[in-house]
Every structure is written in C-alpha cells, then in structure tokens.
Amino acid sequence: MVDRCICYSKSFSELKSLAQLHGARDVAALQAVVEFGFRCGLCKPYVKRMIENGQTAFPVMQCATHPFEDAGLFADITDDAPSDGAR
C-alpha cells in the first residue's frame, strides 16, 4: 500500500490533516502550505485522490509514464549521440 510521499517523508494522514486545516482543495493548494511532491512527483495522483475522497492508503497505481516524462524532463539521449557511435 502507498501511504506517503517518500521523498519528503510526509504521510497522507498528515497531508490530509493539513489539507483540512488550511482548506486545500487540490494538490497545488496543499503544496502551498506543506512541502511534498516536488521531487519525483509520484505521490501527486495519490494525494489528489486523498483530497477527493479522504482515503490515506492506496494500492499501487499503474501508470503509462512517470510524471516527469510528461513534462519532457526525460529526453531521449540517443537523439544527441554522434552518428559514428563515439561518445
């Protein structure tokens, strides 16, 4: 089960309490009051669900791509490789 942002050691229970305390209704609003989800970003879909339904532990979600791939942060390094194969 997934129950925390591992990069920042923030449990979803802690984040839920902070969301309620500060009236945060989305991930960005919650990030404005507590630091989480800025490194790998894998917790964000879980936190989004937590805010929507109050659940604080989730089965591992299957996703097609890592969140940073969608942001273009994982460029294909083979595009920059010299044509002679030398590096």
Foldseek 3Di string as FASTA:
>chain_A
DDAAQVVVGGGLVNLLVQCVVQVPQADVSSCVPDPGCPPQNLCRVVNRVCSVPVDRDDDDDDDPDRPVVVVVPDDDCVVVADPVRDD
